[in-house]
């Protein structure tokens, strides 16, 4: 194996680890969004429907960060 092959293998492994670390942020964000929605429904059950819609919107925006992270991995590797 020459140096270029070894460098490409290391670069690919670092990209995988980088995306794994980048996925931690959205996972924490989704947990916070869902937890706060449950807390809000517990405080005011009559707003459950509206809070659920807002929760899904928040999850969609938070998961967009994970998609950006994987796109960056494909762009720079």
PDB file of N, CA and C in Angstrom:
ATOM      1  N   UNK A   1       0.839  -1.184   0.000  1.00  0.00           N
ATOM      2  CA  UNK A   1       0.000   0.000   0.000  1.00  0.00           C
ATOM      3  C   UNK A   1       0.885   1.249   0.000  1.00  0.00           C
ATOM      4  N   UNK A   2       0.544   2.160  -0.845  1.00  0.00           N
ATOM      5  CA  UNK A   2       1.298   3.409  -0.864  1.00  0.00           C
ATOM      6  C   UNK A   2       0.648   4.447   0.046  1.00  0.00           C
ATOM      7  N   UNK A   3       1.283   5.569   0.174  1.00  0.00           N
ATOM      8  CA  UNK A   3       0.828   6.605   1.111  1.00  0.00           C
ATOM      9  C   UNK A   3      -0.528   7.185   0.718  1.00  0.00           C
ATOM     10  N   UNK A   4      -0.792   7.273  -0.580  1.00  0.00           N
ATOM     11  CA  UNK A   4      -2.064   7.847  -1.036  1.00  0.00           C
ATOM     12  C   UNK A   4      -3.235   6.961  -0.645  1.00  0.00           C
ATOM     13  N   UNK A   5      -3.066   5.651  -0.775  1.00  0.00           N
ATOM     14  CA  UNK A   5      -4.133   4.719  -0.414  1.00  0.00           C
ATOM     15  C   UNK A   5      -4.411   4.776   1.082  1.00  0.00           C
ATOM     16  N   UNK A   6      -3.355   4.817   1.877  1.00  0.00           N
ATOM     17  CA  UNK A   6      -3.508   4.888   3.326  1.00  0.00           C
ATOM     18  C   UNK A   6      -4.192   6.197   3.715  1.00  0.00           C
ATOM     19  N   UNK A   7      -3.793   7.305   3.091  1.00  0.00           N
ATOM     20  CA  UNK A   7      -4.397   8.603   3.393  1.00  0.00           C
ATOM     21  C   UNK A   7      -5.875   8.617   3.014  1.00  0.00           C
ATOM     22  N   UNK A   8      -6.253   8.011   1.900  1.00  0.00           N
ATOM     23  CA  UNK A   8      -7.654   7.955   1.493  1.00  0.00           C
ATOM     24  C   UNK A   8      -8.472   7.118   2.476  1.00  0.00           C
ATOM     25  N   UNK A   9      -7.904   6.024   2.958  1.00  0.00           N
ATOM     26  CA  UNK A   9      -8.611   5.183   3.923  1.00  0.00           C
ATOM     27  C   UNK A   9      -8.805   5.921   5.241  1.00  0.00           C
ATOM     28  N   UNK A  10      -7.778   6.631   5.678  1.00  0.00           N
ATOM     29  CA  UNK A  10      -7.891   7.392   6.922  1.00  0.00           C
ATOM     30  C   UNK A  10      -8.910   8.521   6.759  1.00  0.00           C
ATOM     31  N   UNK A  11      -8.878   9.187   5.619  1.00  0.00           N
ATOM     32  CA  UNK A  11      -9.823  10.282   5.363  1.00  0.00           C
ATOM     33  C   UNK A  11     -11.256   9.776   5.366  1.00  0.00           C
ATOM     34  N   UNK A  12     -11.506   8.620   4.771  1.00  0.00           N
ATOM     35  CA  UNK A  12     -12.843   8.048   4.766  1.00  0.00           C
ATOM     36  C   UNK A  12     -13.310   7.686   6.158  1.00  0.00           C
ATOM     37  N   UNK A  13     -12.396   7.148   6.971  1.00  0.00           N
ATOM     38  CA  UNK A  13     -12.759   6.801   8.344  1.00  0.00           C
ATOM     39  C   UNK A  13     -13.051   8.036   9.183  1.00  0.00           C
ATOM     40  N   UNK A  14     -12.288   9.096   8.970  1.00  0.00           N
ATOM     41  CA  UNK A  14     -12.520  10.332   9.714  1.00  0.00           C
ATOM     42  C   UNK A  14     -13.868  10.939   9.330  1.00  0.00           C
ATOM     43  N   UNK A  15     -14.240  10.838   8.047  1.00  0.00           N
ATOM     44  CA  UNK A  15     -15.540  11.364   7.613  1.00  0.00           C
ATOM     45  C   UNK A  15     -16.678  10.605   8.281  1.00  0.00           C
ATOM     46  N   UNK A  16     -16.532   9.306   8.424  1.00  0.00           N
ATOM     47  CA  UNK A  16     -17.568   8.509   9.082  1.00  0.00           C
ATOM     48  C   UNK A  16     -17.701   8.892  10.546  1.00  0.00           C
ATOM     49  N   UNK A  17     -16.596   9.053  11.212  1.00  0.00           N
ATOM     50  CA  UNK A  17     -16.625   9.461  12.618  1.00  0.00           C
ATOM     51  C   UNK A  17     -17.187  10.878  12.739  1.00  0.00           C
ATOM     52  N   UNK A  18     -16.824  11.741  11.809  1.00  0.00           N
ATOM     53  CA  UNK A  18     -17.335  13.109  11.824  1.00  0.00           C
ATOM     54  C   UNK A  18     -18.839  13.160  11.674  1.00  0.00           C
ATOM     55  N   UNK A  19     -19.381  12.341  10.778  1.00  0.00           N
ATOM     56  CA  UNK A  19     -20.836  12.334  10.627  1.00  0.00           C
ATOM     57  C   UNK A  19     -21.492  11.749  11.869  1.00  0.00           C
ATOM     58  N   UNK A  20     -20.891  10.760  12.468  1.00  0.00           N
ATOM     59  CA  UNK A  20     -21.429  10.198  13.706  1.00  0.00           C
ATOM     60  C   UNK A  20     -21.492  11.251  14.802  1.00  0.00           C
ATOM     61  N   UNK A  21     -20.469  12.064  14.906  1.00  0.00           N
ATOM     62  CA  UNK A  21     -20.477  13.148  15.888  1.00  0.00           C
ATOM     63  C   UNK A  21     -21.475  14.229  15.505  1.00  0.00           C
ATOM     64  N   UNK A  22     -21.632  14.481  14.202  1.00  0.00           N
ATOM     65  CA  UNK A  22     -22.587  15.497  13.745  1.00  0.00           C
ATOM     66  C   UNK A  22     -24.025  15.055  13.982  1.00  0.00           C
ATOM     67  N   UNK A  23     -24.274  13.758  14.047  1.00  0.00           N
ATOM     68  CA  UNK A  23     -25.636  13.256  14.270  1.00  0.00           C
ATOM     69  C   UNK A  23     -26.043  13.342  15.735  1.00  0.00           C
ATOM     70  N   UNK A  24     -25.088  13.556  16.626  1.00  0.00           N
ATOM     71  CA  UNK A  24     -25.411  13.663  18.045  1.00  0.00           C
ATOM     72  C   UNK A  24     -26.231  14.927  18.319  1.00  0.00           C
ATOM     73  N   UNK A  25     -25.888  16.033  17.663  1.00  0.00           N
ATOM     74  CA  UNK A  25     -26.603  17.287  17.869  1.00  0.00           C
ATOM     75  C   UNK A  25     -28.079  17.202  17.540  1.00  0.00           C
ATOM     76  N   UNK A  26     -28.432  16.734  16.332  1.00  0.00           N
ATOM     77  CA  UNK A  26     -29.858  16.587  16.023  1.00  0.00           C
ATOM     78  C   UNK A  26     -30.577  15.600  16.937  1.00  0.00           C
ATOM     79  N   UNK A  27     -29.891  14.560  17.363  1.00  0.00           N
ATOM     80  CA  UNK A  27     -30.531  13.598  18.263  1.00  0.00           C
ATOM     81  C   UNK A  27     -30.877  14.254  19.597  1.00  0.00           C
ATOM     82  N   UNK A  28     -29.970  15.046  20.112  1.00  0.00           N
ATOM     83  CA  UNK A  28     -30.247  15.772  21.353  1.00  0.00           C
ATOM     84  C   UNK A  28     -31.361  16.786  21.124  1.00  0.00           C
ATOM     85  N   UNK A  29     -31.334  17.459  19.965  1.00  0.00           N
ATOM     86  CA  UNK A  29     -32.367  18.436  19.652  1.00  0.00           C
ATOM     87  C   UNK A  29     -33.755  17.832  19.571  1.00  0.00           C
ATOM     88  N   UNK A  30     -33.864  16.668  18.935  1.00  0.00           N
ATOM     89  CA  UNK A  30     -35.164  15.994  18.845  1.00  0.00           C
ATOM     90  C   UNK A  30     -35.633  15.587  20.233  1.00  0.00           C
ATOM     91  N   UNK A  31     -34.743  15.117  21.056  1.00  0.00           N
ATOM     92  CA  UNK A  31     -35.106  14.748  22.420  1.00  0.00           C
ATOM     93  C   UNK A  31     -35.636  15.937  23.209  1.00  0.00           C
ATOM     94  N   UNK A  32     -35.003  17.079  23.048  1.00  0.00           N
ATOM     95  CA  UNK A  32     -35.461  18.280  23.745  1.00  0.00           C
ATOM     96  C   UNK A  32     -36.829  18.713  23.225  1.00  0.00           C
ATOM     97  N   UNK A  33     -37.008  18.697  21.899  1.00  0.00           N
ATOM     98  CA  UNK A  33     -38.281  19.120  21.307  1.00  0.00           C
ATOM     99  C   UNK A  33     -39.423  18.227  21.796  1.00  0.00           C
ATOM    100  N   UNK A  34     -39.216  16.920  21.757  1.00  0.00           N
ATOM    101  CA  UNK A  34     -40.271  15.997  22.186  1.00  0.00           C
ATOM    102  C   UNK A  34     -40.522  16.131  23.691  1.00  0.00           C
ATOM    103  N   UNK A  35     -39.471  16.259  24.463  1.00  0.00           N
ATOM    104  CA  UNK A  35     -39.630  16.406  25.906  1.00  0.00           C
ATOM    105  C   UNK A  35     -40.399  17.661  26.287  1.00  0.00           C
ATOM    106  N   UNK A  36     -40.096  18.766  25.619  1.00  0.00           N
ATOM    107  CA  UNK A  36     -40.813  20.006  25.910  1.00  0.00           C
ATOM    108  C   UNK A  36     -42.266  19.930  25.451  1.00  0.00           C
ATOM    109  N   UNK A  37     -42.527  19.196  24.369  1.00  0.00           N
ATOM    110  CA  UNK A  37     -43.912  19.025  23.931  1.00  0.00           C
ATOM    111  C   UNK A  37     -44.701  18.221  24.958  1.00  0.00           C
ATOM    112  N   UNK A  38     -44.110  17.159  25.468  1.00  0.00           N
ATOM    113  CA  UNK A  38     -44.779  16.360  26.493  1.00  0.00           C
ATOM    114  C   UNK A  38     -45.024  17.206  27.734  1.00  0.00           C
ATOM    115  N   UNK A  39     -44.049  18.027  28.088  1.00  0.00           N
ATOM    116  CA  UNK A  39     -44.208  18.910  29.241  1.00  0.00           C
ATOM    117  C   UNK A  39     -45.342  19.913  29.002  1.00  0.00           C
ATOM    118  N   UNK A  40     -45.425  20.462  27.801  1.00  0.00           N
ATOM    119  CA  UNK A  40     -46.482  21.410  27.485  1.00  0.00           C
ATOM    120  C   UNK A  40     -47.860  20.772  27.492  1.00  0.00           C
ATOM    121  N   UNK A  41     -47.965  19.539  26.981  1.00  0.00           N
ATOM    122  CA  UNK A  41     -49.250  18.834  26.989  1.00  0.00           C
ATOM    123  C   UNK A  41     -49.656  18.497  28.422  1.00  0.00           C
ATOM    124  N   UNK A  42     -48.682  18.181  29.253  1.00  0.00           N
ATOM    125  CA  UNK A  42     -49.003  17.889  30.650  1.00  0.00           C
ATOM    126  C   UNK A  42     -49.527  19.133  31.371  1.00  0.00           C
ATOM    127  N   UNK A  43     -49.030  20.296  30.975  1.00  0.00           N
ATOM    128  CA  UNK A  43     -49.480  21.537  31.616  1.00  0.00           C
ATOM    129  C   UNK A  43     -50.835  21.993  31.080  1.00  0.00           C
ATOM    130  N   UNK A  44     -51.030  21.860  29.747  1.00  0.00           N
ATOM    131  CA  UNK A  44     -52.287  22.305  29.144  1.00  0.00           C
ATOM    132  C   UNK A  44     -52.751  21.259  28.134  1.00  0.00           C
ATOM    133  N   UNK A  45     -53.484  20.253  28.580  1.00  0.00           N
ATOM    134  CA  UNK A  45     -53.904  19.167  27.690  1.00  0.00           C
ATOM    135  C   UNK A  45     -54.777  19.625  26.520  1.00  0.00           C
ATOM    136  N   UNK A  46     -55.473  20.746  26.659  1.00  0.00           N
ATOM    137  CA  UNK A  46     -56.337  21.198  25.571  1.00  0.00           C
ATOM    138  C   UNK A  46     -55.548  21.692  24.357  1.00  0.00           C
ATOM    139  N   UNK A  47     -54.254  21.934  24.513  1.00  0.00           N
ATOM    140  CA  UNK A  47     -53.415  22.372  23.399  1.00  0.00           C
ATOM    141  C   UNK A  47     -52.629  21.223  22.771  1.00  0.00           C
ATOM    142  N   UNK A  48     -52.989  19.992  23.056  1.00  0.00           N
ATOM    143  CA  UNK A  48     -52.214  18.837  22.599  1.00  0.00           C
ATOM    144  C   UNK A  48     -52.105  18.798  21.077  1.00  0.00           C
ATOM    145  N   UNK A  49     -53.194  19.048  20.373  1.00  0.00           N
ATOM    146  CA  UNK A  49     -53.163  18.992  18.911  1.00  0.00           C
ATOM    147  C   UNK A  49     -52.235  20.020  18.306  1.00  0.00           C
ATOM    148  N   UNK A  50     -52.334  21.243  18.792  1.00  0.00           N
ATOM    149  CA  UNK A  50     -51.492  22.316  18.258  1.00  0.00           C
ATOM    150  C   UNK A  50     -50.019  22.088  18.604  1.00  0.00           C
ATOM    151  N   UNK A  51     -49.759  21.635  19.825  1.00  0.00           N
ATOM    152  CA  UNK A  51     -48.377  21.367  20.221  1.00  0.00           C
ATOM    153  C   UNK A  51     -47.777  20.215  19.421  1.00  0.00           C
ATOM    154  N   UNK A  52     -48.598  19.240  19.071  1.00  0.00           N
ATOM    155  CA  UNK A  52     -48.099  18.109  18.294  1.00  0.00           C
ATOM    156  C   UNK A  52     -47.673  18.565  16.901  1.00  0.00           C
ATOM    157  N   UNK A  53     -48.450  19.431  16.295  1.00  0.00           N
ATOM    158  CA  UNK A  53     -48.080  19.962  14.978  1.00  0.00           C
ATOM    159  C   UNK A  53     -46.778  20.739  15.066  1.00  0.00           C
ATOM    160  N   UNK A  54     -46.664  21.583  16.077  1.00  0.00           N
ATOM    161  CA  UNK A  54     -45.427  22.345  16.254  1.00  0.00           C
ATOM    162  C   UNK A  54     -44.238  21.429  16.545  1.00  0.00           C
ATOM    163  N   UNK A  55     -44.493  20.332  17.256  1.00  0.00           N
ATOM    164  CA  UNK A  55     -43.425  19.382  17.540  1.00  0.00           C
ATOM    165  C   UNK A  55     -42.905  18.757  16.247  1.00  0.00           C
ATOM    166  N   UNK A  56     -43.817  18.373  15.353  1.00  0.00           N
ATOM    167  CA  UNK A  56     -43.381  17.775  14.091  1.00  0.00           C
ATOM    168  C   UNK A  56     -42.603  18.763  13.231  1.00  0.00           C
ATOM    169  N   UNK A  57     -42.996  20.015  13.250  1.00  0.00           N
ATOM    170  CA  UNK A  57     -42.241  21.035  12.515  1.00  0.00           C
ATOM    171  C   UNK A  57     -40.852  21.191  13.114  1.00  0.00           C
ATOM    172  N   UNK A  58     -40.773  21.221  14.435  1.00  0.00           N
ATOM    173  CA  UNK A  58     -39.471  21.327  15.105  1.00  0.00           C
ATOM    174  C   UNK A  58     -38.580  20.134  14.826  1.00  0.00           C
ATOM    175  N   UNK A  59     -39.163  18.942  14.798  1.00  0.00           N
ATOM    176  CA  UNK A  59     -38.382  17.747  14.481  1.00  0.00           C
ATOM    177  C   UNK A  59     -37.860  17.809  13.055  1.00  0.00           C
ATOM    178  N   UNK A  60     -38.692  18.290  12.136  1.00  0.00           N
ATOM    179  CA  UNK A  60     -38.266  18.381  10.730  1.00  0.00           C
ATOM    180  C   UNK A  60     -37.081  19.331  10.582  1.00  0.00           C
ATOM    181  N   UNK A  61     -37.146  20.489  11.240  1.00  0.00           N
ATOM    182  CA  UNK A  61     -36.027  21.426  11.159  1.00  0.00           C
ATOM    183  C   UNK A  61     -34.779  20.873  11.833  1.00  0.00           C
ATOM    184  N   UNK A  62     -34.962  20.164  12.924  1.00  0.00           N
ATOM    185  CA  UNK A  62     -33.816  19.597  13.628  1.00  0.00           C
ATOM    186  C   UNK A  62     -33.170  18.480  12.813  1.00  0.00           C
ATOM    187  N   UNK A  63     -33.987  17.651  12.175  1.00  0.00           N
ATOM    188  CA  UNK A  63     -33.441  16.572  11.355  1.00  0.00           C
ATOM    189  C   UNK A  63     -32.772  17.106  10.096  1.00  0.00           C
ATOM    190  N   UNK A  64     -33.130  18.312   9.670  1.00  0.00           N
ATOM    191  CA  UNK A  64     -32.455  18.920   8.529  1.00  0.00           C
ATOM    192  C   UNK A  64     -30.962  19.092   8.815  1.00  0.00           C
ATOM    193  N   UNK A  65     -30.623  19.304  10.080  1.00  0.00           N
ATOM    194  CA  UNK A  65     -29.208  19.417  10.446  1.00  0.00           C
ATOM    195  C   UNK A  65     -28.456  18.117  10.182  1.00  0.00           C
ATOM    196  N   UNK A  66     -29.103  16.992  10.419  1.00  0.00           N
ATOM    197  CA  UNK A  66     -28.462  15.708  10.145  1.00  0.00           C
ATOM    198  C   UNK A  66     -28.254  15.525   8.642  1.00  0.00           C
ATOM    199  N   UNK A  67     -29.234  15.950   7.853  1.00  0.00           N
ATOM    200  CA  UNK A  67     -29.082  15.845   6.395  1.00  0.00           C
ATOM    201  C   UNK A  67     -27.976  16.754   5.889  1.00  0.00           C
ATOM    202  N   UNK A  68     -27.851  17.928   6.479  1.00  0.00           N
ATOM    203  CA  UNK A  68     -26.750  18.827   6.106  1.00  0.00           C
ATOM    204  C   UNK A  68     -25.413  18.187   6.474  1.00  0.00           C
ATOM    205  N   UNK A  69     -25.355  17.535   7.630  1.00  0.00           N
ATOM    206  CA  UNK A  69     -24.115  16.868   8.047  1.00  0.00           C
ATOM    207  C   UNK A  69     -23.697  15.774   7.096  1.00  0.00           C
ATOM    208  N   UNK A  70     -24.630  14.971   6.615  1.00  0.00           N
ATOM    209  CA  UNK A  70     -24.261  13.907   5.693  1.00  0.00           C
ATOM    210  C   UNK A  70     -23.920  14.472   4.320  1.00  0.00           C
ATOM    211  N   UNK A  71     -24.566  15.571   3.920  1.00  0.00           N
ATOM    212  CA  UNK A  71     -24.241  16.199   2.637  1.00  0.00           C
ATOM    213  C   UNK A  71     -22.835  16.781   2.671  1.00  0.00           C
ATOM    214  N   UNK A  72     -22.457  17.376   3.788  1.00  0.00           N
ATOM    215  CA  UNK A  72     -21.110  17.926   3.917  1.00  0.00           C
ATOM    216  C   UNK A  72     -20.075  16.811   3.837  1.00  0.00           C
ATOM    217  N   UNK A  73     -20.403  15.667   4.415  1.00  0.00           N
ATOM    218  CA  UNK A  73     -19.502  14.517   4.312  1.00  0.00           C
ATOM    219  C   UNK A  73     -19.279  14.083   2.866  1.00  0.00           C
ATOM    220  N   UNK A  74     -20.324  14.096   2.059  1.00  0.00           N
ATOM    221  CA  UNK A  74     -20.177  13.738   0.641  1.00  0.00           C
ATOM    222  C   UNK A  74     -19.467  14.819  -0.140  1.00  0.00           C
ATOM    223  N   UNK A  75     -19.647  16.064   0.212  1.00  0.00           N
ATOM    224  CA  UNK A  75     -19.033  17.162  -0.532  1.00  0.00           C
ATOM    225  C   UNK A  75     -17.534  17.217  -0.312  1.00  0.00           C
ATOM    226  N   UNK A  76     -17.097  17.085   0.938  1.00  0.00           N
ATOM    227  CA  UNK A  76     -15.688  17.279   1.259  1.00  0.00           C
ATOM    228  C   UNK A  76     -14.853  16.012   1.197  1.00  0.00           C
ATOM    229  N   UNK A  77     -15.483  14.864   0.974  1.00  0.00           N
ATOM    230  CA  UNK A  77     -14.678  13.631   0.911  1.00  0.00           C
ATOM    231  C   UNK A  77     -14.533  13.141  -0.486  1.00  0.00           C
TER     232      UNK A  77
END
